[in-house]
């Protein structure tokens, strides 16, 4: 049973971090490069990132409680758990705190405003989240015994 749970955790981490990387570093740049309308590219990019946020919530709902089964003591030393919590918080901040105001920026850009540069500054959350994801992928989810 532990082996199956470990495999499910690895798959969920792969889906989560892969979706972050795929949208943030592949799909979004391609949208901006291929579409003539930056507002349309920004709108599609934000829609994809919204989907990634839901994937993140689903994966975190399984991965965070699964980390608690390892009983790393003290809890402050359980770096994998804290990285997962930080990752889901970053995605949540991006989804709830950054994305709604950026929708206004996209609308202004579509009306001739210059808000696309401000929209791209929000990508720093993606950079930090993808670095945390990389640390989790490289470090694995299982503590060393």
N, C-alpha and C. Protein backbone atom coordinates (compact mmCIF):
# COMPACT_ATOMS: atom_id res chain seq x y z
N UNK A 1 0.82 -1.20 0.00
CA UNK A 1 0.00 0.00 0.00
C UNK A 1 0.86 1.26 0.00
N UNK A 2 1.95 1.23 0.76
CA UNK A 2 2.85 2.39 0.83
C UNK A 2 3.48 2.66 -0.53
N UNK A 3 3.79 1.59 -1.26
CA UNK A 3 4.38 1.75 -2.59
C UNK A 3 3.40 2.41 -3.55
N UNK A 4 2.13 2.01 -3.46
CA UNK A 4 1.10 2.60 -4.32
C UNK A 4 0.91 4.08 -3.98
N UNK A 5 0.87 4.41 -2.70
CA UNK A 5 0.72 5.80 -2.29
C UNK A 5 1.91 6.64 -2.75
N UNK A 6 3.10 6.07 -2.66
CA UNK A 6 4.30 6.75 -3.13
C UNK A 6 4.23 7.02 -4.63
N UNK A 7 3.75 6.06 -5.38
CA UNK A 7 3.61 6.23 -6.83
C UNK A 7 2.57 7.29 -7.17
N UNK A 8 1.46 7.29 -6.44
CA UNK A 8 0.41 8.30 -6.66
C UNK A 8 0.97 9.69 -6.35
N UNK A 9 1.75 9.80 -5.27
CA UNK A 9 2.35 11.09 -4.93
C UNK A 9 3.28 11.58 -6.04
N UNK A 10 4.10 10.69 -6.57
CA UNK A 10 5.02 11.09 -7.64
C UNK A 10 4.26 11.53 -8.89
N UNK A 11 3.20 10.83 -9.22
CA UNK A 11 2.40 11.21 -10.39
C UNK A 11 1.74 12.57 -10.17
N UNK A 12 1.17 12.78 -8.99
CA UNK A 12 0.52 14.07 -8.72
C UNK A 12 1.52 15.22 -8.72
N UNK A 13 2.70 15.01 -8.17
CA UNK A 13 3.72 16.05 -8.20
C UNK A 13 4.13 16.34 -9.64
N UNK A 14 4.24 15.30 -10.44
CA UNK A 14 4.59 15.47 -11.85
C UNK A 14 3.51 16.26 -12.59
N UNK A 15 2.26 15.94 -12.36
CA UNK A 15 1.15 16.66 -12.99
C UNK A 15 1.16 18.13 -12.55
N UNK A 16 1.34 18.36 -11.26
CA UNK A 16 1.29 19.72 -10.71
C UNK A 16 2.43 20.58 -11.27
N UNK A 17 3.65 20.12 -11.08
CA UNK A 17 4.80 20.91 -11.51
C UNK A 17 4.88 20.95 -13.03
N UNK A 18 4.53 19.87 -13.69
CA UNK A 18 4.51 19.86 -15.15
C UNK A 18 3.51 20.84 -15.73
N UNK A 19 2.35 20.97 -15.09
CA UNK A 19 1.37 21.94 -15.58
C UNK A 19 1.85 23.37 -15.36
N UNK A 20 2.50 23.61 -14.22
CA UNK A 20 3.07 24.94 -13.98
C UNK A 20 4.10 25.30 -15.06
N UNK A 21 5.01 24.38 -15.29
CA UNK A 21 6.07 24.62 -16.28
C UNK A 21 5.51 24.69 -17.70
N UNK A 22 4.60 23.78 -18.02
CA UNK A 22 4.05 23.75 -19.38
C UNK A 22 3.31 25.02 -19.75
N UNK A 23 2.50 25.51 -18.83
CA UNK A 23 1.74 26.73 -19.11
C UNK A 23 2.64 27.96 -19.00
N UNK A 24 3.42 28.03 -17.93
CA UNK A 24 4.22 29.22 -17.69
C UNK A 24 5.37 29.44 -18.65
N UNK A 25 5.99 28.35 -19.08
CA UNK A 25 7.20 28.49 -19.90
C UNK A 25 7.04 28.01 -21.33
N UNK A 26 5.92 27.41 -21.66
CA UNK A 26 5.71 26.93 -23.01
C UNK A 26 4.47 27.57 -23.64
N UNK A 27 3.32 27.31 -23.05
CA UNK A 27 2.07 27.77 -23.65
C UNK A 27 1.95 29.30 -23.67
N UNK A 28 2.19 29.95 -22.53
CA UNK A 28 2.03 31.41 -22.48
C UNK A 28 2.98 32.14 -23.44
N UNK A 29 4.28 31.80 -23.46
CA UNK A 29 5.14 32.48 -24.42
C UNK A 29 4.74 32.24 -25.88
N UNK A 30 4.27 31.03 -26.19
CA UNK A 30 3.83 30.73 -27.56
C UNK A 30 2.60 31.57 -27.90
N UNK A 31 1.68 31.71 -26.96
CA UNK A 31 0.50 32.54 -27.21
C UNK A 31 0.89 33.97 -27.55
N UNK A 32 1.80 34.55 -26.76
CA UNK A 32 2.21 35.92 -27.01
C UNK A 32 2.98 36.05 -28.32
N UNK A 33 3.72 35.02 -28.68
CA UNK A 33 4.50 35.07 -29.93
C UNK A 33 3.62 34.88 -31.17
N UNK A 34 2.58 34.08 -31.06
CA UNK A 34 1.79 33.73 -32.24
C UNK A 34 0.56 34.58 -32.47
N UNK A 35 -0.01 35.14 -31.41
CA UNK A 35 -1.22 35.93 -31.58
C UNK A 35 -0.87 37.39 -31.81
N UNK A 36 -1.55 38.01 -32.75
CA UNK A 36 -1.30 39.41 -33.06
C UNK A 36 -1.85 40.34 -31.98
N UNK A 37 -2.85 39.90 -31.26
CA UNK A 37 -3.49 40.72 -30.24
C UNK A 37 -2.94 40.34 -28.86
N UNK A 38 -2.12 41.20 -28.24
CA UNK A 38 -1.57 40.87 -26.92
C UNK A 38 -2.64 40.68 -25.86
N UNK A 39 -3.76 41.40 -25.98
CA UNK A 39 -4.83 41.24 -25.01
C UNK A 39 -5.45 39.85 -25.10
N UNK A 40 -5.62 39.36 -26.32
CA UNK A 40 -6.16 38.00 -26.50
C UNK A 40 -5.18 36.97 -25.95
N UNK A 41 -3.89 37.16 -26.22
CA UNK A 41 -2.88 36.24 -25.70
C UNK A 41 -2.88 36.25 -24.18
N UNK A 42 -2.97 37.45 -23.59
CA UNK A 42 -2.99 37.56 -22.13
C UNK A 42 -4.24 36.90 -21.56
N UNK A 43 -5.37 37.08 -22.22
CA UNK A 43 -6.61 36.46 -21.75
C UNK A 43 -6.54 34.95 -21.79
N UNK A 44 -6.02 34.40 -22.88
CA UNK A 44 -5.88 32.94 -22.98
C UNK A 44 -4.87 32.41 -21.97
N UNK A 45 -3.77 33.14 -21.82
CA UNK A 45 -2.74 32.74 -20.86
C UNK A 45 -3.31 32.72 -19.45
N UNK A 46 -4.08 33.72 -19.10
CA UNK A 46 -4.68 33.77 -17.76
C UNK A 46 -5.71 32.65 -17.58
N UNK A 47 -6.44 32.32 -18.62
CA UNK A 47 -7.39 31.20 -18.52
C UNK A 47 -6.66 29.89 -18.27
N UNK A 48 -5.54 29.69 -18.96
CA UNK A 48 -4.74 28.49 -18.73
C UNK A 48 -4.20 28.45 -17.30
N UNK A 49 -3.75 29.59 -16.82
CA UNK A 49 -3.22 29.65 -15.45
C UNK A 49 -4.31 29.42 -14.42
N UNK A 50 -5.53 29.80 -14.75
CA UNK A 50 -6.65 29.49 -13.87
C UNK A 50 -6.89 27.99 -13.79
N UNK A 51 -6.76 27.31 -14.91
CA UNK A 51 -6.90 25.84 -14.92
C UNK A 51 -5.79 25.20 -14.10
N UNK A 52 -4.58 25.74 -14.22
CA UNK A 52 -3.45 25.22 -13.45
C UNK A 52 -3.69 25.42 -11.95
N UNK A 53 -4.34 26.51 -11.58
CA UNK A 53 -4.64 26.75 -10.17
C UNK A 53 -5.55 25.65 -9.62
N UNK A 54 -6.52 25.23 -10.41
CA UNK A 54 -7.41 24.15 -9.96
C UNK A 54 -6.66 22.82 -9.88
N UNK A 55 -5.78 22.57 -10.83
CA UNK A 55 -4.93 21.37 -10.76
C UNK A 55 -4.09 21.42 -9.49
N UNK A 56 -3.55 22.58 -9.18
CA UNK A 56 -2.72 22.75 -7.99
C UNK A 56 -3.50 22.45 -6.72
N UNK A 57 -4.71 22.95 -6.64
CA UNK A 57 -5.53 22.72 -5.45
C UNK A 57 -5.83 21.23 -5.30
N UNK A 58 -6.16 20.58 -6.40
CA UNK A 58 -6.44 19.14 -6.33
C UNK A 58 -5.22 18.33 -5.91
N UNK A 59 -4.07 18.64 -6.48
CA UNK A 59 -2.85 17.91 -6.13
C UNK A 59 -2.44 18.19 -4.68
N UNK A 60 -2.54 19.45 -4.27
CA UNK A 60 -2.18 19.81 -2.90
C UNK A 60 -3.10 19.14 -1.89
N UNK A 61 -4.36 18.96 -2.25
CA UNK A 61 -5.32 18.31 -1.34
C UNK A 61 -4.92 16.88 -1.03
N UNK A 62 -4.16 16.26 -1.91
CA UNK A 62 -3.69 14.90 -1.67
C UNK A 62 -2.26 14.91 -1.12
N UNK A 63 -1.39 15.72 -1.69
CA UNK A 63 0.03 15.68 -1.35
C UNK A 63 0.33 16.21 0.05
N UNK A 64 -0.33 17.28 0.47
CA UNK A 64 -0.02 17.84 1.78
C UNK A 64 -0.41 16.88 2.90
N UNK A 65 -1.64 16.35 2.92
CA UNK A 65 -1.94 15.37 3.97
C UNK A 65 -1.06 14.11 3.89
N UNK A 66 -0.69 13.71 2.68
CA UNK A 66 0.17 12.52 2.54
C UNK A 66 1.53 12.75 3.17
N UNK A 67 2.02 13.99 3.13
CA UNK A 67 3.31 14.29 3.75
C UNK A 67 3.25 14.13 5.27
N UNK A 68 2.11 14.37 5.86
CA UNK A 68 1.98 14.27 7.32
C UNK A 68 2.14 12.83 7.81
N UNK A 69 1.96 11.87 6.94
CA UNK A 69 2.11 10.47 7.36
C UNK A 69 3.57 10.11 7.65
N UNK A 70 4.51 10.94 7.17
CA UNK A 70 5.93 10.63 7.38
C UNK A 70 6.40 10.94 8.80
N UNK A 71 5.66 11.71 9.53
CA UNK A 71 5.95 12.02 10.93
C UNK A 71 7.37 12.53 11.16
N UNK A 72 7.79 13.45 10.32
CA UNK A 72 9.09 14.09 10.50
C UNK A 72 8.99 15.00 11.72
N UNK A 73 9.90 14.84 12.65
CA UNK A 73 9.91 15.66 13.87
C UNK A 73 11.24 16.35 13.99
N UNK A 74 11.29 17.57 14.38
CA UNK A 74 10.16 18.47 14.58
C UNK A 74 9.52 18.83 13.24
N UNK A 75 8.27 19.25 13.32
CA UNK A 75 7.52 19.55 12.10
C UNK A 75 8.19 20.67 11.30
N UNK A 76 8.88 21.58 11.98
CA UNK A 76 9.56 22.66 11.29
C UNK A 76 10.67 22.14 10.37
N UNK A 77 11.18 20.93 10.63
CA UNK A 77 12.24 20.35 9.81
C UNK A 77 11.70 19.63 8.57
N UNK A 78 10.41 19.56 8.45
CA UNK A 78 9.78 18.84 7.33
C UNK A 78 9.71 19.76 6.11
N UNK A 79 10.86 19.94 5.45
CA UNK A 79 10.96 20.92 4.37
C UNK A 79 10.06 20.58 3.19
N UNK A 80 9.83 19.31 2.93
CA UNK A 80 8.96 18.95 1.80
C UNK A 80 7.53 19.44 2.03
N UNK A 81 7.05 19.25 3.25
CA UNK A 81 5.70 19.72 3.59
C UNK A 81 5.61 21.23 3.41
N UNK A 82 6.59 21.96 3.91
CA UNK A 82 6.54 23.42 3.84
C UNK A 82 6.70 23.93 2.41
N UNK A 83 7.46 23.22 1.60
CA UNK A 83 7.55 23.62 0.20
C UNK A 83 6.22 23.40 -0.53
N UNK A 84 5.54 22.30 -0.21
CA UNK A 84 4.22 22.06 -0.82
C UNK A 84 3.23 23.14 -0.38
N UNK A 85 3.27 23.50 0.90
CA UNK A 85 2.37 24.55 1.40
C UNK A 85 2.70 25.88 0.72
N UNK A 86 3.99 26.20 0.62
CA UNK A 86 4.40 27.45 -0.05
C UNK A 86 3.97 27.46 -1.51
N UNK A 87 4.09 26.33 -2.17
CA UNK A 87 3.72 26.23 -3.58
C UNK A 87 2.23 26.48 -3.77
N UNK A 88 1.41 25.86 -2.96
CA UNK A 88 -0.03 26.06 -3.13
C UNK A 88 -0.42 27.47 -2.71
N UNK A 89 0.26 28.06 -1.74
CA UNK A 89 -0.02 29.44 -1.37
C UNK A 89 0.33 30.41 -2.50
N UNK A 90 1.47 30.20 -3.14
CA UNK A 90 1.86 31.05 -4.26
C UNK A 90 0.84 30.97 -5.39
N UNK A 91 0.42 29.76 -5.70
CA UNK A 91 -0.57 29.60 -6.77
C UNK A 91 -1.89 30.25 -6.36
N UNK A 92 -2.26 30.09 -5.09
CA UNK A 92 -3.48 30.71 -4.59
C UNK A 92 -3.42 32.22 -4.62
N UNK A 93 -2.29 32.79 -4.23
CA UNK A 93 -2.11 34.25 -4.29
C UNK A 93 -2.22 34.73 -5.73
N UNK A 94 -1.60 33.98 -6.62
CA UNK A 94 -1.68 34.35 -8.04
C UNK A 94 -3.10 34.30 -8.56
N UNK A 95 -3.84 33.27 -8.15
CA UNK A 95 -5.20 33.08 -8.65
C UNK A 95 -6.18 34.08 -8.02
N UNK A 96 -6.08 34.27 -6.72
CA UNK A 96 -7.07 35.10 -6.02
C UNK A 96 -6.64 36.56 -5.87
N UNK A 97 -5.34 36.79 -5.77
CA UNK A 97 -4.88 38.14 -5.51
C UNK A 97 -4.35 38.88 -6.72
N UNK A 98 -3.82 38.17 -7.69
CA UNK A 98 -3.19 38.83 -8.84
C UNK A 98 -4.07 38.74 -10.08
N UNK A 99 -4.67 37.59 -10.32
CA UNK A 99 -5.41 37.40 -11.56
C UNK A 99 -6.62 38.32 -11.71
N UNK A 100 -7.45 38.53 -10.67
CA UNK A 100 -8.59 39.44 -10.86
C UNK A 100 -8.19 40.87 -11.24
N UNK A 101 -7.22 41.49 -10.54
CA UNK A 101 -6.83 42.83 -10.99
C UNK A 101 -6.19 42.84 -12.38
N UNK A 102 -5.53 41.74 -12.74
CA UNK A 102 -4.90 41.69 -14.05
C UNK A 102 -5.93 41.57 -15.17
N UNK A 103 -7.12 41.09 -14.85
CA UNK A 103 -8.18 41.04 -15.86
C UNK A 103 -8.52 42.46 -16.32
N UNK A 104 -8.46 43.42 -15.40
CA UNK A 104 -8.69 44.81 -15.76
C UNK A 104 -7.56 45.33 -16.66
N UNK A 105 -6.34 44.90 -16.37
CA UNK A 105 -5.20 45.30 -17.18
C UNK A 105 -5.36 44.78 -18.61
N UNK A 106 -5.82 43.54 -18.73
CA UNK A 106 -6.05 42.96 -20.05
C UNK A 106 -7.12 43.75 -20.80
N UNK A 107 -8.18 44.12 -20.10
CA UNK A 107 -9.24 44.90 -20.74
C UNK A 107 -8.70 46.26 -21.20
N UNK A 108 -7.88 46.90 -20.38
CA UNK A 108 -7.30 48.19 -20.76
C UNK A 108 -6.35 48.03 -21.95
N UNK A 109 -5.61 46.93 -21.97
CA UNK A 109 -4.69 46.68 -23.10
C UNK A 109 -5.47 46.51 -24.38
N UNK A 110 -6.63 45.88 -24.29
CA UNK A 110 -7.46 45.70 -25.47
C UNK A 110 -8.05 47.00 -25.98
N UNK A 111 -8.12 48.00 -25.09
CA UNK A 111 -8.65 49.30 -25.48
C UNK A 111 -7.54 50.29 -25.82
N UNK A 112 -6.34 49.79 -26.00
CA UNK A 112 -5.24 50.65 -26.38
C UNK A 112 -4.35 51.05 -25.23
N UNK A 113 -4.66 50.60 -24.01
CA UNK A 113 -3.80 50.92 -22.86
C UNK A 113 -2.52 50.11 -22.91
N UNK A 114 -1.57 50.47 -22.11
CA UNK A 114 -0.29 49.76 -22.09
C UNK A 114 -0.17 48.98 -20.79
N UNK A 115 -1.01 47.97 -20.60
CA UNK A 115 -1.03 47.21 -19.37
C UNK A 115 -0.40 45.84 -19.48
N UNK A 116 0.02 45.44 -20.68
CA UNK A 116 0.58 44.11 -20.86
C UNK A 116 1.89 43.96 -20.10
N UNK A 117 2.70 45.02 -20.02
CA UNK A 117 3.95 44.95 -19.27
C UNK A 117 3.66 44.69 -17.79
N UNK A 118 2.63 45.33 -17.25
CA UNK A 118 2.26 45.10 -15.85
C UNK A 118 1.78 43.67 -15.66
N UNK A 119 1.09 43.15 -16.66
CA UNK A 119 0.62 41.77 -16.58
C UNK A 119 1.80 40.80 -16.50
N UNK A 120 2.83 41.08 -17.27
CA UNK A 120 3.99 40.18 -17.28
C UNK A 120 4.79 40.24 -15.98
N UNK A 121 4.71 41.34 -15.25
CA UNK A 121 5.42 41.40 -13.96
C UNK A 121 4.84 40.41 -12.96
N UNK A 122 3.58 40.06 -13.13
CA UNK A 122 2.95 39.09 -12.24
C UNK A 122 3.55 37.69 -12.42
N UNK A 123 4.30 37.51 -13.47
CA UNK A 123 4.92 36.21 -13.74
C UNK A 123 6.00 35.85 -12.74
N UNK A 124 6.44 36.80 -11.92
CA UNK A 124 7.45 36.48 -10.91
C UNK A 124 6.94 35.41 -9.94
N UNK A 125 5.63 35.39 -9.69
CA UNK A 125 5.06 34.32 -8.87
C UNK A 125 5.30 32.97 -9.52
N UNK A 126 5.18 32.92 -10.83
CA UNK A 126 5.41 31.67 -11.55
C UNK A 126 6.86 31.23 -11.44
N UNK A 127 7.77 32.18 -11.49
CA UNK A 127 9.18 31.84 -11.38
C UNK A 127 9.48 31.20 -10.02
N UNK A 128 9.00 31.81 -8.96
CA UNK A 128 9.24 31.27 -7.62
C UNK A 128 8.55 29.91 -7.46
N UNK A 129 7.31 29.80 -7.93
CA UNK A 129 6.58 28.54 -7.83
C UNK A 129 7.28 27.43 -8.61
N UNK A 130 7.80 27.76 -9.78
CA UNK A 130 8.47 26.72 -10.57
C UNK A 130 9.80 26.32 -9.94
N UNK A 131 10.47 27.24 -9.25
CA UNK A 131 11.70 26.89 -8.54
C UNK A 131 11.40 25.98 -7.36
N UNK A 132 10.32 26.24 -6.65
CA UNK A 132 9.91 25.36 -5.55
C UNK A 132 9.56 23.98 -6.11
N UNK A 133 8.84 23.97 -7.22
CA UNK A 133 8.51 22.69 -7.85
C UNK A 133 9.75 21.92 -8.24
N UNK A 134 10.74 22.61 -8.78
CA UNK A 134 12.00 21.95 -9.13
C UNK A 134 12.67 21.35 -7.91
N UNK A 135 12.68 22.08 -6.80
CA UNK A 135 13.28 21.56 -5.56
C UNK A 135 12.56 20.29 -5.11
N UNK A 136 11.24 20.27 -5.23
CA UNK A 136 10.48 19.09 -4.84
C UNK A 136 10.73 17.92 -5.78
N UNK A 137 10.81 18.21 -7.07
CA UNK A 137 11.08 17.13 -8.03
C UNK A 137 12.47 16.55 -7.79
N UNK A 138 13.45 17.40 -7.60
CA UNK A 138 14.81 16.91 -7.38
C UNK A 138 14.98 16.23 -6.03
N UNK A 139 14.33 16.79 -5.00
CA UNK A 139 14.48 16.23 -3.66
C UNK A 139 13.59 15.04 -3.37
N UNK A 140 12.55 14.86 -4.16
CA UNK A 140 11.62 13.76 -3.94
C UNK A 140 10.67 14.07 -2.80
N UNK A 141 9.62 13.31 -2.71
CA UNK A 141 8.63 13.51 -1.67
C UNK A 141 8.86 12.64 -0.44
N UNK A 142 9.70 11.64 -0.58
CA UNK A 142 9.94 10.72 0.53
C UNK A 142 11.15 11.16 1.34
N UNK A 143 10.99 11.33 2.66
CA UNK A 143 12.16 11.67 3.48
C UNK A 143 13.16 10.52 3.49
N UNK A 144 14.42 10.87 3.59
CA UNK A 144 15.48 9.85 3.69
C UNK A 144 15.43 9.22 5.07
N UNK A 145 15.59 7.93 5.10
CA UNK A 145 15.51 7.23 6.40
C UNK A 145 16.88 7.01 6.97
